[in-house]
């Protein structure tokens, strides 16, 4: 059994309301589909929106850190970044990234569901 529980890249934005949340999720989902989803080891992108309308998290799950690193090394980063900039410019509201550096995380522990005793 592998000890590798996966690897995540987390993208975090502040936004000016629920309408911008919805636009950002739609735009970033399209970017995931067009630029990321076909890479080996890509598992999913989950979009989380805060209930107060001010935040959007995009958690991109990879099978392993090696798969993510391969994506970083072989993907069209310039094209993807241009698509992100275009998406941000097309929003009717304001969205700003909150992350700094490389927002990547290794899963070190997971607690799954169990039956109640």
Protein backbone atom coordinates (compact mmCIF):
# COMPACT_ATOMS: atom_id res chain seq x y z
CA UNK A 1 0.00 0.00 0.00
CA UNK A 2 1.32 3.44 -0.93
CA UNK A 3 1.98 6.04 1.73
CA UNK A 4 1.37 8.76 -0.88
CA UNK A 5 -2.04 10.20 -0.01
CA UNK A 6 -1.93 12.72 -2.83
CA UNK A 7 -0.83 16.23 -3.54
CA UNK A 8 -2.80 19.46 -3.84
CA UNK A 9 -2.37 22.87 -5.35
CA UNK A 10 -4.64 25.41 -3.68
CA UNK A 11 -5.60 28.63 -5.41
CA UNK A 12 -7.17 31.25 -3.11
CA UNK A 13 -8.92 34.43 -4.24
CA UNK A 14 -10.80 37.20 -2.46
CA UNK A 15 -13.79 38.54 -4.39
CA UNK A 16 -16.32 41.32 -4.03
CA UNK A 17 -19.45 39.20 -3.78
CA UNK A 18 -21.42 36.12 -4.77
CA UNK A 19 -21.80 37.14 -8.42
CA UNK A 20 -18.03 37.41 -8.80
CA UNK A 21 -17.63 34.08 -6.99
CA UNK A 22 -19.87 32.41 -9.58
CA UNK A 23 -18.06 34.07 -12.51
CA UNK A 24 -14.63 33.13 -11.14
CA UNK A 25 -15.65 29.50 -10.56
CA UNK A 26 -17.04 29.27 -14.09
CA UNK A 27 -13.92 30.82 -15.64
CA UNK A 28 -11.48 28.73 -13.60
CA UNK A 29 -13.45 25.52 -14.24
CA UNK A 30 -13.07 26.17 -17.96
CA UNK A 31 -9.34 26.73 -17.50
CA UNK A 32 -9.04 23.43 -15.61
CA UNK A 33 -10.89 21.62 -18.39
CA UNK A 34 -8.90 23.19 -21.23
CA UNK A 35 -5.42 23.44 -19.73
CA UNK A 36 -5.02 20.94 -16.87
CA UNK A 37 -7.51 18.05 -16.71
CA UNK A 38 -5.84 15.81 -19.29
CA UNK A 39 -2.44 15.61 -17.57
CA UNK A 40 -1.43 12.25 -16.07
CA UNK A 41 -2.12 12.15 -12.35
CA UNK A 42 -4.72 14.93 -12.40
CA UNK A 43 -7.61 13.81 -10.20
CA UNK A 44 -9.94 16.77 -9.79
CA UNK A 45 -10.45 20.45 -9.17
CA UNK A 46 -12.87 21.31 -6.39
CA UNK A 47 -14.17 24.83 -6.07
CA UNK A 48 -15.17 26.09 -2.64
CA UNK A 49 -16.96 29.41 -2.17
CA UNK A 50 -17.31 31.08 1.20
CA UNK A 51 -20.83 31.55 2.47
CA UNK A 52 -20.21 35.26 2.99
CA UNK A 53 -19.42 35.77 -0.71
CA UNK A 54 -15.82 36.94 -0.24
CA UNK A 55 -13.59 33.95 -1.05
CA UNK A 56 -13.03 31.25 -3.67
CA UNK A 57 -10.72 28.27 -3.15
CA UNK A 58 -9.76 26.01 -6.01
CA UNK A 59 -8.24 22.79 -4.68
CA UNK A 60 -6.56 20.88 -7.50
CA UNK A 61 -5.91 17.28 -6.47
CA UNK A 62 -3.06 15.25 -7.99
CA UNK A 63 -2.30 11.56 -7.52
CA UNK A 64 1.24 12.42 -6.46
CA UNK A 65 3.70 15.26 -6.14
CA UNK A 66 5.64 13.76 -9.06
CA UNK A 67 2.54 14.08 -11.28
CA UNK A 68 2.12 17.72 -10.27
CA UNK A 69 5.83 18.44 -10.87
CA UNK A 70 5.60 16.81 -14.32
CA UNK A 71 2.62 19.04 -15.11
CA UNK A 72 4.57 22.14 -14.02
CA UNK A 73 7.58 21.14 -16.14
CA UNK A 74 5.74 20.09 -19.30
CA UNK A 75 2.59 22.24 -19.46
CA UNK A 76 2.12 25.49 -21.35
CA UNK A 77 2.45 27.76 -18.32
CA UNK A 78 2.54 30.95 -20.42
CA UNK A 79 -0.66 30.01 -22.23
CA UNK A 80 -2.41 28.99 -19.02
CA UNK A 81 -1.36 32.19 -17.25
CA UNK A 82 -2.60 34.25 -20.21
CA UNK A 83 -5.94 32.43 -19.98
CA UNK A 84 -6.12 33.21 -16.25
CA UNK A 85 -5.34 36.89 -16.85
CA UNK A 86 -7.99 37.05 -19.57
CA UNK A 87 -10.52 35.37 -17.27
CA UNK A 88 -9.79 37.81 -14.45
CA UNK A 89 -10.05 40.80 -16.80
CA UNK A 90 -13.44 39.55 -18.00
CA UNK A 91 -15.04 39.43 -14.55
CA UNK A 92 -17.72 42.02 -13.83
CA UNK A 93 -16.42 42.33 -10.26
CA UNK A 94 -13.08 42.32 -8.49
CA UNK A 95 -10.98 39.23 -7.67
CA UNK A 96 -7.50 39.21 -6.18
CA UNK A 97 -5.20 36.25 -5.44
CA UNK A 98 -4.33 35.72 -1.77
CA UNK A 99 -1.67 33.06 -2.18
CA UNK A 100 2.04 33.75 -2.24
CA UNK A 101 4.83 31.47 -3.33
CA UNK A 102 3.94 27.97 -4.47
CA UNK A 103 0.62 27.09 -2.81
CA UNK A 104 1.16 23.33 -2.86
CA UNK A 105 0.47 20.82 -0.12
CA UNK A 106 1.22 17.16 0.58
CA UNK A 107 -1.51 15.14 2.27
CA UNK A 108 0.00 13.61 5.40
CA UNK A 109 -3.07 12.19 7.10
CA UNK A 110 -6.65 11.45 6.23
CA UNK A 111 -9.50 10.36 8.48
CA UNK A 112 -12.35 8.75 6.57
CA UNK A 113 -15.88 7.89 7.67
CA UNK A 114 -16.54 4.98 9.97
CA UNK A 115 -19.55 3.34 11.51
CA UNK A 116 -20.70 4.59 14.87
CA UNK A 117 -20.15 2.14 17.77
